[in-house]
Protein backbone atom coordinates (compact mmCIF):
# COMPACT_ATOMS: atom_id res chain seq x y z
CA MET A 1 89.43 175.74 119.82
CA LYS A 2 92.76 173.94 119.39
CA TYR A 3 95.17 174.95 116.64
CA GLN A 4 94.82 171.49 115.04
CA ASP A 5 91.06 172.04 114.69
CA LEU A 6 91.38 175.37 112.87
CA SER A 7 90.30 175.38 109.23
CA ALA A 8 92.73 176.46 106.51
CA GLU A 9 90.81 179.73 106.08
CA LYS A 10 91.18 180.61 109.78
CA LYS A 11 94.89 179.72 109.79
CA LEU A 12 95.58 181.97 106.82
CA LYS A 13 94.10 184.91 108.75
CA ILE A 14 96.87 184.64 111.38
CA ASN A 15 99.41 187.31 110.39
CA THR A 16 101.73 187.81 113.37
CA LEU A 17 103.78 185.72 115.78
CA GLY A 18 101.61 186.87 118.70
CA GLU A 19 98.41 185.72 116.99
CA LEU A 20 100.07 182.38 116.21
CA LYS A 21 101.05 181.85 119.86
CA ASN A 22 97.51 182.66 120.98
CA SER A 23 96.11 180.03 118.59
CA GLY A 24 97.90 177.30 120.56
CA TYR A 25 100.38 176.42 117.79
CA GLU A 26 103.20 174.05 118.78
CA SER A 27 106.33 173.15 116.80
CA VAL A 28 106.26 169.67 115.26
CA SER A 29 109.07 168.09 113.23
CA ILE A 30 108.23 166.98 109.71
CA LYS A 31 108.75 163.30 110.57
CA GLU A 32 106.35 163.61 113.51
CA GLU A 33 103.92 165.42 111.23
CA LEU A 34 104.08 162.64 108.60
CA ARG A 35 103.68 160.01 111.30
CA ALA A 36 100.67 161.72 112.95
CA ASN A 37 98.90 162.25 109.62
CA LEU A 38 99.54 158.65 108.56
CA VAL A 39 97.97 157.41 111.80
CA LYS A 40 95.00 159.71 111.20
CA THR A 41 94.46 158.63 107.58
CA ARG A 42 94.88 154.95 108.43
CA LYS A 43 92.24 155.21 111.16
CA ALA A 44 89.94 156.96 108.68
CA GLY A 45 90.45 154.15 106.15
CA GLU A 46 91.96 156.47 103.54
CA ASN A 47 94.53 155.33 100.98
CA ILE A 48 97.33 157.85 100.62
CA PHE A 49 98.98 155.91 97.78
CA GLU A 50 95.88 155.74 95.62
CA GLY A 51 96.65 154.67 92.04
CA ILE A 52 99.73 152.64 93.02
CA TRP A 53 98.85 149.08 92.02
CA GLY A 54 100.57 145.85 93.05
CA TYR A 55 102.29 147.29 96.13
CA GLU A 56 99.40 146.85 98.57
CA ASP A 57 101.00 143.89 100.37
CA THR A 58 104.69 144.62 99.74
CA VAL A 59 106.04 148.15 99.22
CA ILE A 60 103.28 150.27 100.79
CA PRO A 61 103.40 148.47 104.19
CA ASP A 62 107.20 148.98 104.18
CA VAL A 63 106.77 152.70 103.46
CA GLU A 64 104.19 153.07 106.21
CA ARG A 65 106.46 151.29 108.70
CA ALA A 66 109.31 153.62 107.73
CA ILE A 67 107.12 156.71 108.23
CA LEU A 68 105.88 155.44 111.60
CA SER A 69 109.53 154.89 112.57
CA ARG A 70 110.43 158.44 111.42
CA HIS A 71 112.99 157.07 108.96
CA ASN A 72 114.73 158.49 105.93
CA ILE A 73 113.93 156.22 102.98
CA ASN A 74 115.74 154.77 99.97
CA PHE A 75 113.59 153.23 97.22
CA LEU A 76 115.70 150.60 95.49
CA GLY A 77 114.41 149.13 92.23
CA LEU A 78 114.66 148.94 88.47
CA ARG A 79 113.37 151.70 86.22
CA GLY A 80 109.67 152.30 85.87
CA GLN A 81 108.65 150.99 89.31
CA ALA A 82 106.91 154.15 90.62
CA LYS A 83 109.73 155.09 93.01
CA THR A 84 109.56 158.83 92.38
CA ARG A 85 105.76 158.78 92.23
CA MET A 86 105.58 157.28 95.73
CA ALA A 87 107.97 159.94 97.02
CA ARG A 88 105.78 162.68 95.53
CA MET A 89 102.64 161.16 97.04
CA MET A 90 104.13 161.47 100.53
CA THR A 91 103.21 165.18 100.39
CA ARG A 92 99.61 164.06 101.00
CA LEU A 93 100.68 163.26 104.56
CA LEU A 94 101.78 166.84 105.21
CA ASP A 95 99.56 169.47 106.85
CA GLU A 96 97.82 171.62 104.26
CA TYR A 97 99.52 174.80 105.54
CA ILE A 98 102.33 175.51 108.01
CA PRO A 99 103.36 178.91 109.44
CA VAL A 100 106.76 180.40 108.50
CA ILE A 101 108.60 183.63 109.29
CA LYS A 102 107.72 185.88 106.36
CA GLY A 103 110.72 186.45 104.08
CA SER A 104 112.85 183.73 105.67
CA PRO A 105 115.10 181.86 103.20
CA LEU A 106 114.78 178.62 105.18
CA ASN A 107 111.04 178.35 105.92
CA ASP A 108 111.76 178.98 109.61
CA ASP A 109 109.37 177.65 112.23
CA PRO A 110 108.19 180.77 114.13
CA LEU A 111 108.71 179.05 117.50
CA ASN A 112 111.97 177.37 116.54
CA PRO A 113 113.88 179.62 114.09
CA ILE A 114 117.27 178.48 112.78
CA SER A 115 118.34 181.17 110.27
CA LYS A 116 120.02 184.43 111.25
CA PHE A 117 117.34 186.33 109.32
CA ALA A 118 114.49 184.80 111.35
CA ILE A 119 116.26 185.07 114.71
CA ASP A 120 117.13 188.75 114.10
CA LYS A 121 113.58 189.49 112.91
CA ILE A 122 112.00 187.96 116.06
CA ASN A 123 114.49 189.77 118.31
CA GLU A 124 113.62 193.05 116.59
CA LEU A 125 109.81 192.77 116.31
CA GLY A 126 108.84 190.18 118.93
CA ASP A 127 105.17 189.18 118.73
CA ALA A 128 104.67 191.63 115.86
CA THR A 129 106.90 189.51 113.59
CA PRO A 130 104.94 188.96 110.35
CA MET A 131 103.88 185.40 109.52
CA GLY A 132 103.54 183.66 106.15
CA TRP A 133 101.90 180.36 105.25
CA MET A 134 103.40 177.56 103.20
CA HIS A 135 101.26 175.04 101.30
CA ARG A 136 102.15 171.34 101.38
CA ASP A 137 103.00 171.34 97.64
CA GLU A 138 105.71 173.98 98.27
CA ARG A 139 107.39 171.69 100.78
CA TYR A 140 108.53 169.12 98.20
CA THR A 141 111.93 169.45 96.51
CA GLU A 142 113.34 167.01 93.98
CA LYS A 143 116.84 166.83 92.53
CA LEU A 144 118.15 164.43 89.89
CA ALA A 145 121.64 163.27 90.80
CA THR A 146 123.89 164.02 87.86
CA PRO A 147 127.70 164.07 87.74
CA ASP A 148 127.73 167.89 87.57
CA VAL A 149 125.88 168.39 90.88
CA THR A 150 128.07 170.34 93.33
CA ILE A 151 128.14 170.79 97.09
CA ALA A 152 127.14 174.41 96.46
CA ASP A 153 123.97 173.17 94.70
CA LEU A 154 122.98 170.92 97.57
CA ILE A 155 124.38 172.58 100.69
CA GLY A 156 125.36 176.14 99.77
CA ASP A 157 128.32 178.44 99.29
CA VAL A 158 129.57 181.96 99.90
CA ASP A 159 128.01 184.38 97.39
CA PRO A 160 130.51 187.13 96.48
CA ILE A 161 127.86 189.14 94.60
CA LYS A 162 125.67 189.14 97.70
CA ALA A 163 128.61 190.25 99.82
CA ALA A 164 129.43 193.08 97.43
CA SER A 165 125.84 194.33 97.01
CA LEU A 166 125.17 194.29 100.78
CA LYS A 167 128.69 195.56 101.55
CA LEU A 168 129.34 192.72 103.93
CA PRO A 169 132.66 191.03 104.81
CA TYR A 170 133.06 187.33 103.94
CA SER A 171 133.03 186.58 107.66
CA ASP A 172 129.36 187.63 107.89
CA GLU A 173 126.90 184.74 107.82
CA ARG A 174 124.55 186.75 105.61
CA VAL A 175 126.84 186.27 102.58
CA ILE A 176 125.90 182.57 102.43
CA HIS A 177 123.70 181.40 99.58
CA PHE A 178 121.93 178.29 100.86
CA GLY A 179 121.59 175.22 98.64
CA LEU A 180 118.59 173.01 97.99
CA VAL A 181 118.84 170.97 101.20
CA PRO A 182 118.74 173.90 103.69
CA ARG A 183 115.96 175.51 101.63
CA SER A 184 114.01 172.26 102.01
CA HIS A 185 113.92 172.78 105.80
CA ARG A 186 110.57 171.46 107.13
CA GLY A 187 109.94 169.69 103.82
CA ILE A 188 110.54 166.51 101.83
CA PHE A 189 113.79 166.40 99.85
CA VAL A 190 114.19 163.75 97.16
CA ILE A 191 117.40 162.77 95.38
CA ASN A 192 116.72 160.60 92.34
CA GLU A 193 119.34 158.10 91.10
CA LEU A 194 121.50 158.54 94.22
CA PRO A 195 124.40 156.32 92.99
CA ASP A 196 125.05 158.80 90.16
CA LEU A 197 125.99 161.42 92.76
CA GLN A 198 129.77 161.71 93.06
CA ALA A 199 131.22 160.09 96.19
CA ARG A 200 132.57 163.39 97.56
CA ILE A 201 129.08 164.92 97.25
CA GLN A 202 127.54 161.92 99.01
CA VAL A 203 130.00 162.47 101.87
CA ALA A 204 128.59 166.00 102.31
CA LEU A 205 125.24 164.43 103.27
CA PHE A 206 126.66 162.49 106.24
CA ASN A 207 126.25 165.24 108.82
CA ILE A 208 122.84 166.28 107.57
CA LEU A 209 121.48 162.76 107.86
CA GLN A 210 123.05 161.91 111.19
CA GLU A 211 123.26 165.16 113.16
CA GLY A 212 120.87 167.27 111.10
CA ASP A 213 123.31 170.18 110.75
CA ILE A 214 125.22 171.71 107.82
CA GLN A 215 128.73 173.03 107.22
CA ILE A 216 129.46 175.70 104.60
CA ARG A 217 133.01 176.75 103.81
CA GLY A 218 134.66 178.19 106.92
CA PHE A 219 131.46 179.04 108.77
CA LYS A 220 130.77 177.32 112.08
CA LEU A 221 127.07 176.82 111.60
CA ARG A 222 124.89 174.78 113.94
CA MET A 223 121.76 174.65 111.91
CA PRO A 224 119.56 171.68 112.92
CA LEU A 225 117.68 171.07 109.70
CA ASP A 226 114.33 169.32 109.80
CA VAL A 227 114.12 167.38 106.51
CA GLN A 228 112.47 164.13 105.44
CA PHE A 229 114.95 162.59 103.00
CA VAL A 230 113.82 160.20 100.26
CA PHE A 231 116.31 158.66 97.85
CA THR A 232 115.76 156.51 94.77
CA ALA A 233 118.32 154.17 93.27
CA ASN A 234 118.60 151.55 90.55
CA PRO A 235 120.51 148.37 91.51
CA GLU A 236 122.23 148.47 88.11
CA ASP A 237 123.93 151.70 89.16
CA TYR A 238 125.73 149.91 91.98
CA THR A 239 127.99 148.18 89.46
CA ASN A 240 127.85 150.09 86.17
CA ARG A 241 127.98 153.81 86.81
CA GLY A 242 128.44 154.46 90.50
CA SER A 243 127.54 153.31 93.96
CA ILE A 244 126.16 154.54 97.24
CA VAL A 245 129.09 154.94 99.62
CA THR A 246 128.82 152.59 102.59
CA PRO A 247 128.62 155.21 105.39
CA LEU A 248 125.76 156.94 103.54
CA LYS A 249 123.86 153.66 103.13
CA ASP A 250 124.36 153.13 106.84
CA ARG A 251 122.72 156.49 107.59
CA ILE A 252 119.61 155.84 105.45
CA ASP A 253 117.26 154.18 107.92
CA SER A 254 114.97 152.14 105.64
CA GLN A 255 115.77 150.68 102.23
CA ILE A 256 112.60 149.58 100.45
CA ILE A 257 112.73 147.20 97.48
CA THR A 258 110.29 147.94 94.66
CA HIS A 259 109.22 145.49 91.94
CA TYR A 260 107.31 145.08 88.69
CA PRO A 261 103.63 143.99 88.54
CA SER A 262 103.29 140.36 89.56
CA SER A 263 100.33 139.67 87.26
CA ILE A 264 98.79 140.76 83.98
CA GLU A 265 95.72 142.11 85.78
CA ILE A 266 97.81 144.49 87.91
CA GLY A 267 99.81 145.52 84.85
CA LYS A 268 96.59 146.33 82.97
CA LYS A 269 95.36 148.57 85.80
CA ILE A 270 98.61 150.55 85.67
CA THR A 271 98.64 150.81 81.87
CA LEU A 272 95.00 151.87 81.51
CA GLN A 273 95.39 154.40 84.33
CA GLU A 274 98.51 156.00 82.86
CA ALA A 275 97.82 155.81 79.10
CA ALA A 276 97.04 159.24 77.64
CA LEU A 277 94.30 158.74 75.06
CA ALA A 278 92.42 161.44 73.17
CA LYS A 279 88.64 161.55 73.53
CA GLU A 280 88.13 160.53 69.88
CA GLN A 281 90.43 157.54 70.38
CA GLU A 282 88.42 156.32 73.37
CA GLU A 283 85.15 156.78 71.48
CA GLY A 284 86.22 155.44 68.08
CA VAL A 285 88.48 152.49 68.96
CA GLU A 286 87.43 149.40 70.89
CA VAL A 287 90.31 147.49 72.46
CA PHE A 288 89.45 143.97 73.62
CA ASP A 289 90.72 142.53 76.90
CA LEU A 290 92.80 139.98 74.99
CA ALA A 291 94.67 142.80 73.23
CA LYS A 292 95.31 144.47 76.59
CA ASP A 293 96.56 141.13 77.96
CA LEU A 294 98.93 140.82 74.99
CA ILE A 295 100.45 144.23 75.75
CA GLU A 296 101.21 143.16 79.33
CA GLN A 297 102.45 139.76 78.15
CA ILE A 298 104.97 141.48 75.88
CA ALA A 299 106.53 143.20 78.93
CA MET A 300 106.62 139.90 80.84
CA GLU A 301 108.27 138.15 77.90
CA ALA A 302 110.83 140.98 77.69
CA ARG A 303 111.69 140.61 81.38
CA ASP A 304 112.41 136.91 80.80
CA SER A 305 114.07 137.27 77.39
CA GLU A 306 117.66 136.15 76.87
CA TYR A 307 118.12 139.11 74.53
CA VAL A 308 117.10 141.78 77.08
CA ASP A 309 119.40 142.92 79.87
CA ALA A 310 117.65 141.79 83.07
CA LYS A 311 119.75 144.18 85.22
CA SER A 312 118.37 147.15 83.33
CA GLY A 313 114.76 146.04 83.65
CA VAL A 314 111.73 146.64 81.46
CA SER A 315 109.88 149.75 82.57
CA ALA A 316 106.12 150.02 82.98
CA ARG A 317 106.48 152.85 80.48
CA LEU A 318 106.88 150.19 77.79
CA THR A 319 103.33 148.89 78.21
CA ILE A 320 101.91 152.42 78.51
CA SER A 321 103.61 153.56 75.29
CA ALA A 322 102.75 150.27 73.56
CA PHE A 323 99.07 150.62 74.45
CA GLU A 324 99.00 154.22 73.21
CA ASN A 325 100.66 153.15 69.95
CA LEU A 326 98.22 150.25 69.52
CA VAL A 327 95.22 152.58 69.81
CA SER A 328 96.90 155.08 67.48
CA ALA A 329 97.50 152.34 64.90
CA CYS A 330 93.76 151.60 65.00
CA GLU A 331 92.93 155.29 64.70
CA ARG A 332 95.25 155.76 61.73
CA ARG A 333 93.67 152.81 59.92
CA MET A 334 90.26 154.26 60.68
CA LEU A 335 91.30 157.57 59.11
CA VAL A 336 92.82 155.90 56.02
CA SER A 337 89.80 153.65 55.44
CA GLU A 338 87.42 156.57 56.18
CA GLU A 339 85.47 154.70 58.87
CA ASP A 340 83.93 156.18 62.02
CA LYS A 341 84.58 153.30 64.42
CA THR A 342 86.90 150.31 64.51
CA ASN A 343 87.99 147.36 66.60
CA VAL A 344 91.58 146.50 67.41
CA ARG A 345 93.23 143.85 65.21
CA VAL A 346 96.27 141.67 65.77
CA THR A 347 97.91 143.26 62.71
CA ASP A 348 97.70 146.59 64.57
CA PHE A 349 100.45 145.28 66.86
CA VAL A 350 102.93 146.29 64.16
CA GLY A 351 102.45 149.78 65.64
CA VAL A 352 103.65 148.54 69.03
CA ILE A 353 107.18 147.73 67.76
CA PRO A 354 108.55 151.32 68.04
CA ALA A 355 107.38 151.43 71.68
CA ILE A 356 109.45 148.31 72.44
CA THR A 357 112.69 149.01 70.57
CA GLY A 358 113.52 152.16 72.53
CA LYS A 359 112.61 150.81 75.94
CA VAL A 360 114.58 147.59 76.23
CA GLU A 361 118.31 147.40 76.88
CA LEU A 362 119.68 144.56 74.75
CA VAL A 363 122.51 142.25 75.71
CA TYR A 364 125.19 141.49 73.10
CA GLU A 365 123.23 138.67 71.44
CA GLY A 366 120.17 140.92 71.21
CA GLU A 367 122.23 143.69 69.61
CA GLN A 368 123.42 141.22 66.99
CA GLU A 369 119.83 140.20 66.26
CA GLY A 370 118.73 143.82 66.03
CA PRO A 371 116.13 145.68 68.14
CA GLY A 372 113.41 145.31 65.50
CA ILE A 373 113.80 141.53 65.30
CA VAL A 374 113.88 141.22 69.10
CA ALA A 375 110.72 143.36 69.39
CA ASN A 376 108.87 141.23 66.82
CA ASN A 377 110.08 138.13 68.64
CA LEU A 378 108.63 139.44 71.93
CA VAL A 379 105.25 140.12 70.30
CA GLY A 380 105.29 136.58 68.85
CA LYS A 381 106.12 135.05 72.23
CA ALA A 382 103.30 137.01 73.87
CA ILE A 383 100.83 135.67 71.30
CA ARG A 384 102.13 132.13 71.82
CA SER A 385 101.79 132.42 75.63
CA GLN A 386 98.22 133.75 75.46
CA PHE A 387 97.10 131.40 72.67
CA ILE A 388 96.65 128.36 74.91
CA ASN A 389 94.31 130.36 77.18
CA TYR A 390 91.80 130.53 74.31
CA PHE A 391 92.43 127.51 72.08
CA PRO A 392 93.77 123.94 72.50
CA ASP A 393 97.53 123.58 72.75
CA PRO A 394 98.77 122.90 69.17
CA GLU A 395 101.73 120.90 70.52
CA LYS A 396 99.38 118.41 72.20
CA GLU A 397 96.91 118.37 69.29
CA ARG A 398 99.73 117.64 66.84
CA LYS A 399 100.39 114.30 68.55
CA LYS A 400 96.79 113.15 68.09
CA GLU A 401 96.02 110.91 65.14
CA SER A 402 92.49 112.33 64.72
CA ASP A 403 90.18 115.15 65.86
CA ASN A 404 92.82 117.84 65.41
CA PRO A 405 90.81 121.12 65.55
CA TYR A 406 93.36 122.83 63.31
CA GLU A 407 93.46 120.19 60.55
CA SER A 408 90.98 121.80 58.13
CA ILE A 409 92.76 125.16 58.40
CA LYS A 410 96.15 123.55 57.85
CA GLU A 411 94.91 121.50 54.87
CA TRP A 412 93.56 124.61 53.14
CA PHE A 413 96.96 126.28 53.32
CA GLU A 414 98.74 123.05 52.25
CA LYS A 415 96.81 123.22 48.96
CA GLY A 416 98.77 126.35 48.11
CA ASN A 417 96.26 128.90 49.39
CA MET A 418 97.40 132.04 51.15
CA ILE A 419 95.88 135.24 52.54
CA ASP A 420 97.13 138.77 52.96
CA LEU A 421 95.86 140.81 55.89
CA MET A 422 96.56 144.43 55.02
CA PHE A 423 97.26 146.94 57.78
CA ASP A 424 94.85 149.56 56.40
CA ALA A 425 92.14 147.20 55.08
CA LYS A 426 88.52 148.25 55.48
CA GLU A 427 86.46 146.24 57.96
CA SER A 428 84.49 144.48 55.20
CA ASP A 429 87.66 143.41 53.34
CA TYR A 430 89.28 142.28 56.60
CA GLN A 431 86.31 140.10 57.52
CA GLU A 432 86.03 138.68 54.01
CA GLU A 433 89.67 137.55 54.06
CA LEU A 434 89.27 135.77 57.38
CA LYS A 435 85.99 134.13 56.35
CA SER A 436 87.64 132.69 53.24
CA ILE A 437 89.65 130.24 55.39
CA PRO A 438 87.64 127.02 55.92
CA GLY A 439 87.41 125.92 59.56
CA LEU A 440 88.67 129.19 61.07
CA GLU A 441 85.26 130.57 62.02
CA ALA A 442 84.14 127.12 63.25
CA LEU A 443 87.25 126.93 65.48
CA VAL A 444 86.35 130.21 67.18
CA ASP A 445 82.67 129.27 67.50
CA LYS A 446 83.62 126.00 69.14
CA TYR A 447 86.15 127.21 71.69
CA GLN A 448 85.32 130.92 72.19
CA LYS A 449 81.65 131.51 71.51
CA THR A 450 81.06 135.27 71.60
CA SER A 451 78.16 137.53 70.69
CA HIS A 452 80.54 140.40 69.87
CA GLU A 453 81.08 140.30 66.10
CA GLY A 454 84.27 142.39 66.26
CA PHE A 455 85.86 140.19 68.93
CA LYS A 456 84.98 137.09 66.89
CA TYR A 457 87.09 138.33 63.97
CA PHE A 458 89.87 139.37 66.33
CA LEU A 459 89.94 135.78 67.65
CA MET A 460 89.99 134.38 64.10
CA GLU A 461 92.99 136.57 63.30
CA PHE A 462 94.58 135.71 66.66
CA ALA A 463 94.20 132.00 65.83
CA LEU A 464 96.17 132.50 62.59
CA PHE A 465 98.97 134.34 64.38
CA GLY A 466 99.02 131.69 67.11
CA LEU A 467 99.28 128.81 64.63
CA ALA A 468 102.18 130.62 62.96
CA GLU A 469 103.94 130.92 66.34
CA TYR A 470 103.46 127.17 66.85
CA SER A 471 105.00 126.49 63.41
CA MET A 472 101.80 125.17 61.84
CA LEU A 473 101.63 128.06 59.37
CA SER A 474 104.11 130.46 57.84
CA LYS A 475 103.84 134.21 58.53
CA HIS A 476 105.64 136.95 56.61
CA GLN A 477 105.50 140.69 57.01
CA LEU A 478 104.79 142.51 53.77
CA GLU A 479 105.34 146.20 53.21
CA GLN A 480 101.69 146.94 53.92
CA GLY A 481 100.42 143.85 55.71
CA MET A 482 100.93 140.28 56.90
CA GLN A 483 100.89 137.17 54.69
CA PHE A 484 99.98 133.65 55.88
CA LYS A 485 100.66 130.48 53.90
CA ASP A 486 101.72 126.86 54.31
CA LEU A 487 104.93 126.41 56.30
CA PHE A 488 106.61 123.84 54.01
CA THR A 489 105.63 125.60 50.79
CA SER A 490 107.23 128.70 52.23
CA MET A 491 110.39 126.83 53.23
CA PHE A 492 110.95 125.19 49.84
CA SER A 493 109.73 127.92 47.51
CA MET A 494 112.68 129.74 45.96
CA PRO A 495 112.58 133.04 44.07
CA GLU A 496 112.74 132.76 40.26
CA MET A 497 116.29 132.98 38.92
CA GLY A 498 117.61 134.26 35.63
CA ASP A 499 119.52 132.11 33.12
CA GLU A 500 122.94 133.31 34.32
CA GLU A 501 122.12 132.47 37.96
């Protein structure tokens, strides 16, 4: 039986170098290993990057081409584009276990040792050299590039404590303490936010990337490391905080551009997959597809907003946090009103605001407006964008002389009527308020006939919010709810003044 055909259980029973040689084991570089396993999984029809949505025709083919070419990779893209996640998923292309010299600091290949420890051990014990086994998860190392990262952290340095305790002179190679890169030998090493790494530290990577060897202090080491490098970078960093030095960029074989979801449907898949909901939230709260669409639309509006810094980007974490907050707003209302189940409401989107304000980088005009106002503006724009997918365009209907589907609703408010939709209102009170508006239920029945009673009321509420966004009604946020009334009455009504005023 060939070594490749051995099960994990049989491999783990191999304990010495002699037994390993007899099994037919051959040394394979990590890039060859990744390549061979990618070919195998592709032929088997398996998807290594399962759960990564929207990259099927863009990023994933680029990554696969880079792996087949045995390239080091740089993922370039704005925040929240699954760059690090894709790097972590590359471990699925590694063999489940690989043999190492037991006790070696550098995960030495038994047939191709590079450390003094491993070479001395094999010279001393020969085929009796003890073997260890390393799982694929142990072969992944990740480092966030921060300004305080040193060459000693990445490459290594002389350890005076080691020299003293072992009574060795500084000229002895055994006094070296190896950094993260050498200790990632035969593994995947990831540096996140590469431009934040100081230029002099980036320079230290030149030799490793090109020749595969390392240099530590005054030691003349020829240590051909076998590492699959993956870097991540944000384009904003190239101008604001730092940059990737040109010779280093030249040594990174493939630069892969990532991107945000191209459609609401893809965005929903990502959000629903990543959102962390409690069991009672999933069972007690029903979230309609329209509400999920609105969450994704908010992110799309933010990416196009003049108030949001486009260079910084709008992370997918915004929609995930927003969805979690939306469900939690429903759950809180359910607890306050002492009900067992509830449906999402448009007024529940007030709970989404905190998830937006901390996740968008505002330009100067946005800072003047204030994050809260910008967040509310984004929610309003999302409602406006989705409104015409469910009801006639108010702009076009306004130009008609007759048959305006919104006329009866508008007339009722023009007579001085108003309604308050309270955030914590019980379901019966909520429905009663919406039913009190003539023509609102008929509008929904005409354009969005649905058998789901809860969704019907959501659409009635959505219609009110939409008409407010199209300036046919006035909307005001109260301390504990939302108020709708006639637009012109709202504009010309002034607060009562005292005699002196």
